[in-house]
Amino acid sequence: MRFYGDLRRKDTWEKAYAAEMARFLWSVNDDNKFLIEFYLIQQSKEEGWRYLLPKVVEEYMMLPGGAESLAQGLSEFGYYGCEYKTQASDVEEFANVYFGTARKLSLTAG
């Protein structure tokens, strides 16, 4: 954990959480839309890490194929719509995080 910084600082633990959550989600992802809708939108709200969403998305997008899988997942909302308890406004908020992160990382977003 020291790799992430000073263990006495909250931001160190937030960086570590974001990086490890991104790696976990990347390792279990087999459905891009479900990843966004259930894990990144719903679970981040319900489990109290919504404020870390931009950091998790940034870490995820730096993993192999990560940015592309999120772009594909976002495009699937146009075809399938929202499921679970997700609202269109939640998807729009996530899309803003995604595109803002893509610009920050100088990636082609979708």
PDB file of N, CA and C in Angstrom:
ATOM      1  N   MET A   1       0.811  -1.201   0.000  1.00  0.00           N
ATOM      2  CA  MET A   1       0.000   0.000   0.000  1.00  0.00           C
ATOM      3  C   MET A   1       0.852   1.261   0.000  1.00  0.00           C
ATOM      4  N   ARG A   2       2.048   1.170   0.448  1.00  0.00           N
ATOM      5  CA  ARG A   2       2.914   2.353   0.466  1.00  0.00           C
ATOM      6  C   ARG A   2       3.187   2.874  -0.935  1.00  0.00           C
ATOM      7  N   PHE A   3       2.988   2.020  -1.920  1.00  0.00           N
ATOM      8  CA  PHE A   3       3.134   2.420  -3.317  1.00  0.00           C
ATOM      9  C   PHE A   3       2.255   3.633  -3.630  1.00  0.00           C
ATOM     10  N   TYR A   4       1.113   3.733  -2.969  1.00  0.00           N
ATOM     11  CA  TYR A   4       0.150   4.798  -3.234  1.00  0.00           C
ATOM     12  C   TYR A   4       0.450   6.076  -2.467  1.00  0.00           C
ATOM     13  N   GLY A   5       1.344   6.031  -1.505  1.00  0.00           N
ATOM     14  CA  GLY A   5       1.693   7.241  -0.757  1.00  0.00           C
ATOM     15  C   GLY A   5       1.761   7.001   0.734  1.00  0.00           C
ATOM     16  N   ASP A   6       1.666   8.081   1.460  1.00  0.00           N
ATOM     17  CA  ASP A   6       1.739   8.088   2.922  1.00  0.00           C
ATOM     18  C   ASP A   6       0.466   7.456   3.497  1.00  0.00           C
ATOM     19  N   LEU A   7       0.635   6.370   4.218  1.00  0.00           N
ATOM     20  CA  LEU A   7      -0.525   5.627   4.737  1.00  0.00           C
ATOM     21  C   LEU A   7      -1.310   6.398   5.792  1.00  0.00           C
ATOM     22  N   ARG A   8      -0.776   7.483   6.262  1.00  0.00           N
ATOM     23  CA  ARG A   8      -1.496   8.301   7.252  1.00  0.00           C
ATOM     24  C   ARG A   8      -2.469   9.265   6.589  1.00  0.00           C
ATOM     25  N   ARG A   9      -2.410   9.362   5.271  1.00  0.00           N
ATOM     26  CA  ARG A   9      -3.234  10.339   4.552  1.00  0.00           C
ATOM     27  C   ARG A   9      -4.449   9.678   3.902  1.00  0.00           C
ATOM     28  N   LYS A  10      -5.590  10.336   4.008  1.00  0.00           N
ATOM     29  CA  LYS A  10      -6.827   9.823   3.420  1.00  0.00           C
ATOM     30  C   LYS A  10      -6.708   9.658   1.907  1.00  0.00           C
ATOM     31  N   ASP A  11      -6.062  10.618   1.234  1.00  0.00           N
ATOM     32  CA  ASP A  11      -5.971  10.539  -0.228  1.00  0.00           C
ATOM     33  C   ASP A  11      -5.154   9.337  -0.684  1.00  0.00           C
ATOM     34  N   THR A  12      -4.234   8.859   0.143  1.00  0.00           N
ATOM     35  CA  THR A  12      -3.485   7.641  -0.180  1.00  0.00           C
ATOM     36  C   THR A  12      -4.433   6.454  -0.249  1.00  0.00           C
ATOM     37  N   TRP A  13      -5.309   6.355   0.732  1.00  0.00           N
ATOM     38  CA  TRP A  13      -6.259   5.239   0.769  1.00  0.00           C
ATOM     39  C   TRP A  13      -7.278   5.353  -0.350  1.00  0.00           C
ATOM     40  N   GLU A  14      -7.653   6.583  -0.709  1.00  0.00           N
ATOM     41  CA  GLU A  14      -8.577   6.771  -1.824  1.00  0.00           C
ATOM     42  C   GLU A  14      -7.934   6.354  -3.146  1.00  0.00           C
ATOM     43  N   LYS A  15      -6.670   6.714  -3.352  1.00  0.00           N
ATOM     44  CA  LYS A  15      -5.953   6.289  -4.564  1.00  0.00           C
ATOM     45  C   LYS A  15      -5.876   4.769  -4.629  1.00  0.00           C
ATOM     46  N   ALA A  16      -5.545   4.167  -3.493  1.00  0.00           N
ATOM     47  CA  ALA A  16      -5.426   2.704  -3.445  1.00  0.00           C
ATOM     48  C   ALA A  16      -6.780   2.053  -3.732  1.00  0.00           C
ATOM     49  N   TYR A  17      -7.842   2.564  -3.136  1.00  0.00           N
ATOM     50  CA  TYR A  17      -9.176   2.003  -3.356  1.00  0.00           C
ATOM     51  C   TYR A  17      -9.554   2.107  -4.828  1.00  0.00           C
ATOM     52  N   ALA A  18      -9.340   3.284  -5.412  1.00  0.00           N
ATOM     53  CA  ALA A  18      -9.703   3.492  -6.821  1.00  0.00           C
ATOM     54  C   ALA A  18      -8.935   2.532  -7.723  1.00  0.00           C
ATOM     55  N   ALA A  19      -7.648   2.392  -7.486  1.00  0.00           N
ATOM     56  CA  ALA A  19      -6.829   1.519  -8.326  1.00  0.00           C
ATOM     57  C   ALA A  19      -7.237   0.058  -8.174  1.00  0.00           C
ATOM     58  N   GLU A  20      -7.439  -0.370  -6.948  1.00  0.00           N
ATOM     59  CA  GLU A  20      -7.798  -1.775  -6.712  1.00  0.00           C
ATOM     60  C   GLU A  20      -9.214  -2.085  -7.186  1.00  0.00           C
ATOM     61  N   MET A  21     -10.146  -1.151  -6.998  1.00  0.00           N
ATOM     62  CA  MET A  21     -11.512  -1.353  -7.492  1.00  0.00           C
ATOM     63  C   MET A  21     -11.505  -1.445  -9.008  1.00  0.00           C
ATOM     64  N   ALA A  22     -10.746  -0.569  -9.661  1.00  0.00           N
ATOM     65  CA  ALA A  22     -10.665  -0.604 -11.124  1.00  0.00           C
ATOM     66  C   ALA A  22     -10.111  -1.943 -11.599  1.00  0.00           C
ATOM     67  N   ARG A  23      -9.058  -2.410 -10.966  1.00  0.00           N
ATOM     68  CA  ARG A  23      -8.475  -3.707 -11.356  1.00  0.00           C
ATOM     69  C   ARG A  23      -9.453  -4.848 -11.119  1.00  0.00           C
ATOM     70  N   PHE A  24     -10.162  -4.804 -10.005  1.00  0.00           N
ATOM     71  CA  PHE A  24     -11.157  -5.845  -9.729  1.00  0.00           C
ATOM     72  C   PHE A  24     -12.247  -5.831 -10.803  1.00  0.00           C
ATOM     73  N   LEU A  25     -12.810  -4.665 -11.077  1.00  0.00           N
ATOM     74  CA  LEU A  25     -13.880  -4.571 -12.073  1.00  0.00           C
ATOM     75  C   LEU A  25     -13.400  -5.009 -13.447  1.00  0.00           C
ATOM     76  N   TRP A  26     -12.180  -4.643 -13.792  1.00  0.00           N
ATOM     77  CA  TRP A  26     -11.599  -5.045 -15.073  1.00  0.00           C
ATOM     78  C   TRP A  26     -11.473  -6.568 -15.150  1.00  0.00           C
ATOM     79  N   SER A  27     -11.091  -7.193 -14.052  1.00  0.00           N
ATOM     80  CA  SER A  27     -10.869  -8.644 -14.056  1.00  0.00           C
ATOM     81  C   SER A  27     -12.164  -9.450 -14.121  1.00  0.00           C
ATOM     82  N   VAL A  28     -13.271  -8.886 -13.651  1.00  0.00           N
ATOM     83  CA  VAL A  28     -14.536  -9.631 -13.645  1.00  0.00           C
ATOM     84  C   VAL A  28     -15.500  -9.198 -14.745  1.00  0.00           C
ATOM     85  N   ASN A  29     -15.160  -8.157 -15.506  1.00  0.00           N
ATOM     86  CA  ASN A  29     -16.094  -7.623 -16.493  1.00  0.00           C
ATOM     87  C   ASN A  29     -16.298  -8.574 -17.669  1.00  0.00           C
ATOM     88  N   ASP A  30     -17.553  -8.909 -17.902  1.00  0.00           N
ATOM     89  CA  ASP A  30     -17.900  -9.650 -19.109  1.00  0.00           C
ATOM     90  C   ASP A  30     -19.127  -9.039 -19.794  1.00  0.00           C
ATOM     91  N   ASP A  31     -19.570  -7.892 -19.281  1.00  0.00           N
ATOM     92  CA  ASP A  31     -20.718  -7.193 -19.854  1.00  0.00           C
ATOM     93  C   ASP A  31     -20.511  -5.700 -19.581  1.00  0.00           C
ATOM     94  N   ASN A  32     -20.146  -4.965 -20.607  1.00  0.00           N
ATOM     95  CA  ASN A  32     -19.763  -3.560 -20.432  1.00  0.00           C
ATOM     96  C   ASN A  32     -20.886  -2.674 -19.913  1.00  0.00           C
ATOM     97  N   LYS A  33     -22.091  -2.886 -20.403  1.00  0.00           N
ATOM     98  CA  LYS A  33     -23.226  -2.090 -19.939  1.00  0.00           C
ATOM     99  C   LYS A  33     -23.541  -2.389 -18.483  1.00  0.00           C
ATOM    100  N   PHE A  34     -23.521  -3.665 -18.119  1.00  0.00           N
ATOM    101  CA  PHE A  34     -23.764  -4.050 -16.729  1.00  0.00           C
ATOM    102  C   PHE A  34     -22.697  -3.461 -15.814  1.00  0.00           C
ATOM    103  N   LEU A  35     -21.452  -3.469 -16.271  1.00  0.00           N
ATOM    104  CA  LEU A  35     -20.357  -2.872 -15.495  1.00  0.00           C
ATOM    105  C   LEU A  35     -20.688  -1.430 -15.145  1.00  0.00           C
ATOM    106  N   ILE A  36     -21.107  -0.670 -16.133  1.00  0.00           N
ATOM    107  CA  ILE A  36     -21.423   0.743 -15.906  1.00  0.00           C
ATOM    108  C   ILE A  36     -22.664   0.888 -15.042  1.00  0.00           C
ATOM    109  N   GLU A  37     -23.717   0.225 -15.462  1.00  0.00           N
ATOM    110  CA  GLU A  37     -25.011   0.435 -14.818  1.00  0.00           C
ATOM    111  C   GLU A  37     -25.060  -0.104 -13.395  1.00  0.00           C
ATOM    112  N   PHE A  38     -24.568  -1.288 -13.189  1.00  0.00           N
ATOM    113  CA  PHE A  38     -24.671  -1.895 -11.865  1.00  0.00           C
ATOM    114  C   PHE A  38     -23.517  -1.491 -10.954  1.00  0.00           C
ATOM    115  N   TYR A  39     -22.304  -1.738 -11.406  1.00  0.00           N
ATOM    116  CA  TYR A  39     -21.161  -1.487 -10.526  1.00  0.00           C
ATOM    117  C   TYR A  39     -20.811  -0.005 -10.402  1.00  0.00           C
ATOM    118  N   LEU A  40     -20.617   0.654 -11.537  1.00  0.00           N
ATOM    119  CA  LEU A  40     -20.112   2.027 -11.477  1.00  0.00           C
ATOM    120  C   LEU A  40     -21.185   3.052 -11.122  1.00  0.00           C
ATOM    121  N   ILE A  41     -22.426   2.800 -11.471  1.00  0.00           N
ATOM    122  CA  ILE A  41     -23.489   3.746 -11.113  1.00  0.00           C
ATOM    123  C   ILE A  41     -24.174   3.322  -9.810  1.00  0.00           C
ATOM    124  N   GLN A  42     -24.786   2.141  -9.808  1.00  0.00           N
ATOM    125  CA  GLN A  42     -25.571   1.735  -8.638  1.00  0.00           C
ATOM    126  C   GLN A  42     -24.725   1.415  -7.403  1.00  0.00           C
ATOM    127  N   GLN A  43     -23.750   0.556  -7.566  1.00  0.00           N
ATOM    128  CA  GLN A  43     -22.962   0.142  -6.401  1.00  0.00           C
ATOM    129  C   GLN A  43     -22.151   1.290  -5.821  1.00  0.00           C
ATOM    130  N   SER A  44     -21.665   2.188  -6.672  1.00  0.00           N
ATOM    131  CA  SER A  44     -20.907   3.318  -6.133  1.00  0.00           C
ATOM    132  C   SER A  44     -21.795   4.178  -5.235  1.00  0.00           C
ATOM    133  N   LYS A  45     -23.071   4.295  -5.579  1.00  0.00           N
ATOM    134  CA  LYS A  45     -24.021   5.027  -4.728  1.00  0.00           C
ATOM    135  C   LYS A  45     -24.306   4.259  -3.445  1.00  0.00           C
ATOM    136  N   GLU A  46     -24.683   3.002  -3.611  1.00  0.00           N
ATOM    137  CA  GLU A  46     -25.135   2.209  -2.469  1.00  0.00           C
ATOM    138  C   GLU A  46     -24.030   1.883  -1.480  1.00  0.00           C
ATOM    139  N   GLU A  47     -22.813   1.750  -1.963  1.00  0.00           N
ATOM    140  CA  GLU A  47     -21.708   1.389  -1.078  1.00  0.00           C
ATOM    141  C   GLU A  47     -20.903   2.595  -0.602  1.00  0.00           C
ATOM    142  N   GLY A  48     -21.292   3.794  -1.023  1.00  0.00           N
ATOM    143  CA  GLY A  48     -20.699   5.007  -0.487  1.00  0.00           C
ATOM    144  C   GLY A  48     -19.375   5.444  -1.085  1.00  0.00           C
ATOM    145  N   TRP A  49     -19.058   4.990  -2.293  1.00  0.00           N
ATOM    146  CA  TRP A  49     -17.811   5.435  -2.920  1.00  0.00           C
ATOM    147  C   TRP A  49     -18.065   6.242  -4.189  1.00  0.00           C
ATOM    148  N   ARG A  50     -19.250   6.821  -4.309  1.00  0.00           N
ATOM    149  CA  ARG A  50     -19.602   7.603  -5.504  1.00  0.00           C
ATOM    150  C   ARG A  50     -18.628   8.761  -5.725  1.00  0.00           C
ATOM    151  N   TYR A  51     -18.170   9.380  -4.632  1.00  0.00           N
ATOM    152  CA  TYR A  51     -17.245  10.503  -4.766  1.00  0.00           C
ATOM    153  C   TYR A  51     -15.904  10.073  -5.365  1.00  0.00           C
ATOM    154  N   LEU A  52     -15.615   8.778  -5.341  1.00  0.00           N
ATOM    155  CA  LEU A  52     -14.382   8.255  -5.934  1.00  0.00           C
ATOM    156  C   LEU A  52     -14.569   7.798  -7.383  1.00  0.00           C
ATOM    157  N   LEU A  53     -15.779   7.910  -7.898  1.00  0.00           N
ATOM    158  CA  LEU A  53     -16.061   7.423  -9.255  1.00  0.00           C
ATOM    159  C   LEU A  53     -15.105   7.974 -10.310  1.00  0.00           C
ATOM    160  N   PRO A  54     -14.823   9.275 -10.330  1.00  0.00           N
ATOM    161  CA  PRO A  54     -13.879   9.768 -11.344  1.00  0.00           C
ATOM    162  C   PRO A  54     -12.495   9.108 -11.242  1.00  0.00           C
ATOM    163  N   LYS A  55     -12.035   8.857 -10.041  1.00  0.00           N
ATOM    164  CA  LYS A  55     -10.729   8.210  -9.862  1.00  0.00           C
ATOM    165  C   LYS A  55     -10.778   6.752 -10.310  1.00  0.00           C
ATOM    166  N   VAL A  56     -11.866   6.062  -9.996  1.00  0.00           N
ATOM    167  CA  VAL A  56     -12.013   4.666 -10.404  1.00  0.00           C
ATOM    168  C   VAL A  56     -12.082   4.583 -11.927  1.00  0.00           C
ATOM    169  N   VAL A  57     -12.857   5.461 -12.544  1.00  0.00           N
ATOM    170  CA  VAL A  57     -12.981   5.470 -14.001  1.00  0.00           C
ATOM    171  C   VAL A  57     -11.621   5.756 -14.639  1.00  0.00           C
ATOM    172  N   GLU A  58     -10.886   6.706 -14.099  1.00  0.00           N
ATOM    173  CA  GLU A  58      -9.565   7.016 -14.651  1.00  0.00           C
ATOM    174  C   GLU A  58      -8.642   5.806 -14.566  1.00  0.00           C
ATOM    175  N   GLU A  59      -8.623   5.146 -13.420  1.00  0.00           N
ATOM    176  CA  GLU A  59      -7.784   3.955 -13.264  1.00  0.00           C
ATOM    177  C   GLU A  59      -8.223   2.854 -14.225  1.00  0.00           C
ATOM    178  N   TYR A  60      -9.535   2.681 -14.366  1.00  0.00           N
ATOM    179  CA  TYR A  60     -10.074   1.641 -15.254  1.00  0.00           C
ATOM    180  C   TYR A  60      -9.680   1.930 -16.709  1.00  0.00           C
ATOM    181  N   MET A  61      -9.756   3.186 -17.090  1.00  0.00           N
ATOM    182  CA  MET A  61      -9.470   3.560 -18.479  1.00  0.00           C
ATOM    183  C   MET A  61      -7.994   3.376 -18.831  1.00  0.00           C
ATOM    184  N   MET A  62      -7.137   3.305 -17.844  1.00  0.00           N
ATOM    185  CA  MET A  62      -5.716   3.101 -18.105  1.00  0.00           C
ATOM    186  C   MET A  62      -5.354   1.619 -18.221  1.00  0.00           C
ATOM    187  N   LEU A  63      -6.293   0.746 -17.917  1.00  0.00           N
ATOM    188  CA  LEU A  63      -6.058  -0.688 -18.061  1.00  0.00           C
ATOM    189  C   LEU A  63      -6.273  -1.102 -19.517  1.00  0.00           C
ATOM    190  N   PRO A  64      -5.652  -2.181 -19.962  1.00  0.00           N
ATOM    191  CA  PRO A  64      -5.795  -2.612 -21.363  1.00  0.00           C
ATOM    192  C   PRO A  64      -7.259  -2.820 -21.757  1.00  0.00           C
ATOM    193  N   GLY A  65      -7.710  -2.089 -22.750  1.00  0.00           N
ATOM    194  CA  GLY A  65      -9.088  -2.215 -23.231  1.00  0.00           C
ATOM    195  C   GLY A  65     -10.115  -1.525 -22.364  1.00  0.00           C
ATOM    196  N   GLY A  66      -9.697  -0.901 -21.289  1.00  0.00           N
ATOM    197  CA  GLY A  66     -10.635  -0.290 -20.344  1.00  0.00           C
ATOM    198  C   GLY A  66     -11.453   0.833 -20.946  1.00  0.00           C
ATOM    199  N   ALA A  67     -10.799   1.765 -21.600  1.00  0.00           N
ATOM    200  CA  ALA A  67     -11.516   2.896 -22.203  1.00  0.00           C
ATOM    201  C   ALA A  67     -12.502   2.408 -23.254  1.00  0.00           C
ATOM    202  N   GLU A  68     -12.081   1.449 -24.047  1.00  0.00           N
ATOM    203  CA  GLU A  68     -12.940   0.911 -25.110  1.00  0.00           C
ATOM    204  C   GLU A  68     -14.158   0.192 -24.529  1.00  0.00           C
ATOM    205  N   SER A  69     -13.967  -0.545 -23.444  1.00  0.00           N
ATOM    206  CA  SER A  69     -15.108  -1.266 -22.867  1.00  0.00           C
ATOM    207  C   SER A  69     -16.134  -0.301 -22.291  1.00  0.00           C
ATOM    208  N   LEU A  70     -15.674   0.809 -21.703  1.00  0.00           N
ATOM    209  CA  LEU A  70     -16.623   1.800 -21.190  1.00  0.00           C
ATOM    210  C   LEU A  70     -17.337   2.500 -22.336  1.00  0.00           C
ATOM    211  N   ALA A  71     -16.627   2.804 -23.408  1.00  0.00           N
ATOM    212  CA  ALA A  71     -17.264   3.423 -24.580  1.00  0.00           C
ATOM    213  C   ALA A  71     -18.329   2.504 -25.157  1.00  0.00           C
ATOM    214  N   GLN A  72     -18.017   1.232 -25.266  1.00  0.00           N
ATOM    215  CA  GLN A  72     -18.989   0.275 -25.786  1.00  0.00           C
ATOM    216  C   GLN A  72     -20.191   0.166 -24.856  1.00  0.00           C
ATOM    217  N   GLY A  73     -19.927   0.110 -23.563  1.00  0.00           N
ATOM    218  CA  GLY A  73     -21.026   0.041 -22.599  1.00  0.00           C
ATOM    219  C   GLY A  73     -21.945   1.237 -22.695  1.00  0.00           C
ATOM    220  N   LEU A  74     -21.376   2.422 -22.829  1.00  0.00           N
ATOM    221  CA  LEU A  74     -22.202   3.619 -22.982  1.00  0.00           C
ATOM    222  C   LEU A  74     -23.041   3.557 -24.252  1.00  0.00           C
ATOM    223  N   SER A  75     -22.463   3.067 -25.336  1.00  0.00           N
ATOM    224  CA  SER A  75     -23.216   2.997 -26.595  1.00  0.00           C
ATOM    225  C   SER A  75     -24.384   2.022 -26.493  1.00  0.00           C
ATOM    226  N   GLU A  76     -24.280   1.025 -25.646  1.00  0.00           N
ATOM    227  CA  GLU A  76     -25.356   0.044 -25.493  1.00  0.00           C
ATOM    228  C   GLU A  76     -26.591   0.621 -24.811  1.00  0.00           C
ATOM    229  N   PHE A  77     -26.435   1.725 -24.086  1.00  0.00           N
ATOM    230  CA  PHE A  77     -27.607   2.355 -23.465  1.00  0.00           C
ATOM    231  C   PHE A  77     -28.572   2.865 -24.525  1.00  0.00           C
ATOM    232  N   GLY A  78     -28.054   3.310 -25.667  1.00  0.00           N
ATOM    233  CA  GLY A  78     -28.921   3.782 -26.749  1.00  0.00           C
ATOM    234  C   GLY A  78     -29.801   2.675 -27.302  1.00  0.00           C
ATOM    235  N   TYR A  79     -29.296   1.469 -27.268  1.00  0.00           N
ATOM    236  CA  TYR A  79     -30.040   0.335 -27.814  1.00  0.00           C
ATOM    237  C   TYR A  79     -30.936  -0.324 -26.766  1.00  0.00           C
ATOM    238  N   TYR A  80     -30.393  -0.571 -25.582  1.00  0.00           N
ATOM    239  CA  TYR A  80     -31.117  -1.315 -24.545  1.00  0.00           C
ATOM    240  C   TYR A  80     -31.803  -0.443 -23.508  1.00  0.00           C
ATOM    241  N   GLY A  81     -31.401   0.807 -23.380  1.00  0.00           N
ATOM    242  CA  GLY A  81     -31.975   1.677 -22.354  1.00  0.00           C
ATOM    243  C   GLY A  81     -31.461   1.323 -20.965  1.00  0.00           C
ATOM    244  N   CYS A  82     -32.084   1.911 -19.962  1.00  0.00           N
ATOM    245  CA  CYS A  82     -31.682   1.698 -18.564  1.00  0.00           C
ATOM    246  C   CYS A  82     -32.438   0.518 -17.965  1.00  0.00           C
ATOM    247  N   GLU A  83     -31.739  -0.221 -17.134  1.00  0.00           N
ATOM    248  CA  GLU A  83     -32.354  -1.323 -16.411  1.00  0.00           C
ATOM    249  C   GLU A  83     -32.031  -1.140 -14.932  1.00  0.00           C
ATOM    250  N   TYR A  84     -32.357  -2.133 -14.149  1.00  0.00           N
ATOM    251  CA  TYR A  84     -32.081  -2.083 -12.712  1.00  0.00           C
ATOM    252  C   TYR A  84     -32.742  -0.832 -12.139  1.00  0.00           C
ATOM    253  N   LYS A  85     -32.074  -0.044 -11.354  1.00  0.00           N
ATOM    254  CA  LYS A  85     -32.677   1.164 -10.789  1.00  0.00           C
ATOM    255  C   LYS A  85     -32.054   2.427 -11.381  1.00  0.00           C
ATOM    256  N   THR A  86     -31.409   2.305 -12.492  1.00  0.00           N
ATOM    257  CA  THR A  86     -30.671   3.418 -13.086  1.00  0.00           C
ATOM    258  C   THR A  86     -31.597   4.345 -13.847  1.00  0.00           C
ATOM    259  N   GLN A  87     -31.366   5.634 -13.680  1.00  0.00           N
ATOM    260  CA  GLN A  87     -32.111   6.663 -14.401  1.00  0.00           C
ATOM    261  C   GLN A  87     -31.238   7.216 -15.522  1.00  0.00           C
ATOM    262  N   ALA A  88     -31.880   7.802 -16.520  1.00  0.00           N
ATOM    263  CA  ALA A  88     -31.130   8.416 -17.626  1.00  0.00           C
ATOM    264  C   ALA A  88     -30.164   9.475 -17.103  1.00  0.00           C
ATOM    265  N   SER A  89     -30.550  10.198 -16.060  1.00  0.00           N
ATOM    266  CA  SER A  89     -29.669  11.233 -15.501  1.00  0.00           C
ATOM    267  C   SER A  89     -28.401  10.622 -14.906  1.00  0.00           C
ATOM    268  N   ASP A  90     -28.506   9.399 -14.360  1.00  0.00           N
ATOM    269  CA  ASP A  90     -27.325   8.704 -13.838  1.00  0.00           C
ATOM    270  C   ASP A  90     -26.357   8.373 -14.969  1.00  0.00           C
ATOM    271  N   VAL A  91     -26.910   7.913 -16.084  1.00  0.00           N
ATOM    272  CA  VAL A  91     -26.083   7.558 -17.244  1.00  0.00           C
ATOM    273  C   VAL A  91     -25.433   8.814 -17.809  1.00  0.00           C
ATOM    274  N   GLU A  92     -26.176   9.905 -17.868  1.00  0.00           N
ATOM    275  CA  GLU A  92     -25.626  11.165 -18.364  1.00  0.00           C
ATOM    276  C   GLU A  92     -24.485  11.634 -17.457  1.00  0.00           C
ATOM    277  N   GLU A  93     -24.662  11.527 -16.161  1.00  0.00           N
ATOM    278  CA  GLU A  93     -23.600  11.907 -15.222  1.00  0.00           C
ATOM    279  C   GLU A  93     -22.359  11.033 -15.431  1.00  0.00           C
ATOM    280  N   PHE A  94     -22.580   9.727 -15.604  1.00  0.00           N
ATOM    281  CA  PHE A  94     -21.447   8.834 -15.852  1.00  0.00           C
ATOM    282  C   PHE A  94     -20.758   9.182 -17.168  1.00  0.00           C
ATOM    283  N   ALA A  95     -21.536   9.465 -18.195  1.00  0.00           N
ATOM    284  CA  ALA A  95     -20.959   9.825 -19.495  1.00  0.00           C
ATOM    285  C   ALA A  95     -20.083  11.068 -19.368  1.00  0.00           C
ATOM    286  N   ASN A  96     -20.515  12.027 -18.570  1.00  0.00           N
ATOM    287  CA  ASN A  96     -19.706  13.226 -18.350  1.00  0.00           C
ATOM    288  C   ASN A  96     -18.389  12.884 -17.676  1.00  0.00           C
ATOM    289  N   VAL A  97     -18.427  11.968 -16.709  1.00  0.00           N
ATOM    290  CA  VAL A  97     -17.195  11.521 -16.053  1.00  0.00           C
ATOM    291  C   VAL A  97     -16.300  10.828 -17.072  1.00  0.00           C
ATOM    292  N   TYR A  98     -16.888   9.951 -17.875  1.00  0.00           N
ATOM    293  CA  TYR A  98     -16.125   9.207 -18.877  1.00  0.00           C
ATOM    294  C   TYR A  98     -15.450  10.149 -19.880  1.00  0.00           C
ATOM    295  N   PHE A  99     -16.224  11.043 -20.487  1.00  0.00           N
ATOM    296  CA  PHE A  99     -15.664  11.926 -21.506  1.00  0.00           C
ATOM    297  C   PHE A  99     -14.658  12.913 -20.910  1.00  0.00           C
ATOM    298  N   GLY A 100     -14.921  13.395 -19.701  1.00  0.00           N
ATOM    299  CA  GLY A 100     -13.969  14.277 -19.034  1.00  0.00           C
ATOM    300  C   GLY A 100     -12.654  13.557 -18.753  1.00  0.00           C
ATOM    301  N   THR A 101     -12.737  12.320 -18.339  1.00  0.00           N
ATOM    302  CA  THR A 101     -11.536  11.525 -18.069  1.00  0.00           C
ATOM    303  C   THR A 101     -10.791  11.230 -19.361  1.00  0.00           C
ATOM    304  N   ALA A 102     -11.526  10.925 -20.416  1.00  0.00           N
ATOM    305  CA  ALA A 102     -10.883  10.660 -21.711  1.00  0.00           C
ATOM    306  C   ALA A 102     -10.110  11.883 -22.180  1.00  0.00           C
ATOM    307  N   ARG A 103     -10.700  13.069 -22.006  1.00  0.00           N
ATOM    308  CA  ARG A 103      -9.984  14.298 -22.373  1.00  0.00           C
ATOM    309  C   ARG A 103      -8.744  14.467 -21.498  1.00  0.00           C
ATOM    310  N   LYS A 104      -8.892  14.236 -20.219  1.00  0.00           N
ATOM    311  CA  LYS A 104      -7.769  14.369 -19.287  1.00  0.00           C
ATOM    312  C   LYS A 104      -6.618  13.444 -19.662  1.00  0.00           C
ATOM    313  N   LEU A 105      -6.960  12.222 -20.066  1.00  0.00           N
ATOM    314  CA  LEU A 105      -5.949  11.240 -20.442  1.00  0.00           C
ATOM    315  C   LEU A 105      -5.535  11.339 -21.903  1.00  0.00           C
ATOM    316  N   SER A 106      -6.106  12.301 -22.612  1.00  0.00           N
ATOM    317  CA  SER A 106      -5.845  12.496 -24.053  1.00  0.00           C
ATOM    318  C   SER A 106      -6.161  11.249 -24.858  1.00  0.00           C
ATOM    319  N   LEU A 107      -7.297  10.631 -24.542  1.00  0.00           N
ATOM    320  CA  LEU A 107      -7.769   9.455 -25.266  1.00  0.00           C
ATOM    321  C   LEU A 107      -8.882   9.857 -26.210  1.00  0.00           C
ATOM    322  N   THR A 108      -9.083   9.084 -27.238  1.00  0.00           N
ATOM    323  CA  THR A 108     -10.233   9.265 -28.098  1.00  0.00           C
ATOM    324  C   THR A 108     -11.398   8.604 -27.387  1.00  0.00           C
ATOM    325  N   ALA A 109     -12.391   9.366 -27.017  1.00  0.00           N
ATOM    326  CA  ALA A 109     -13.515   8.870 -26.232  1.00  0.00           C
ATOM    327  C   ALA A 109     -14.610   8.346 -27.143  1.00  0.00           C
ATOM    328  N   GLY A 110     -14.615   7.021 -27.309  1.00  0.00           N
ATOM    329  CA  GLY A 110     -15.680   6.381 -28.056  1.00  0.00           C
ATOM    330  C   GLY A 110     -15.552   6.700 -29.468  1.00  0.00           C
TER     331      GLY A 110
END
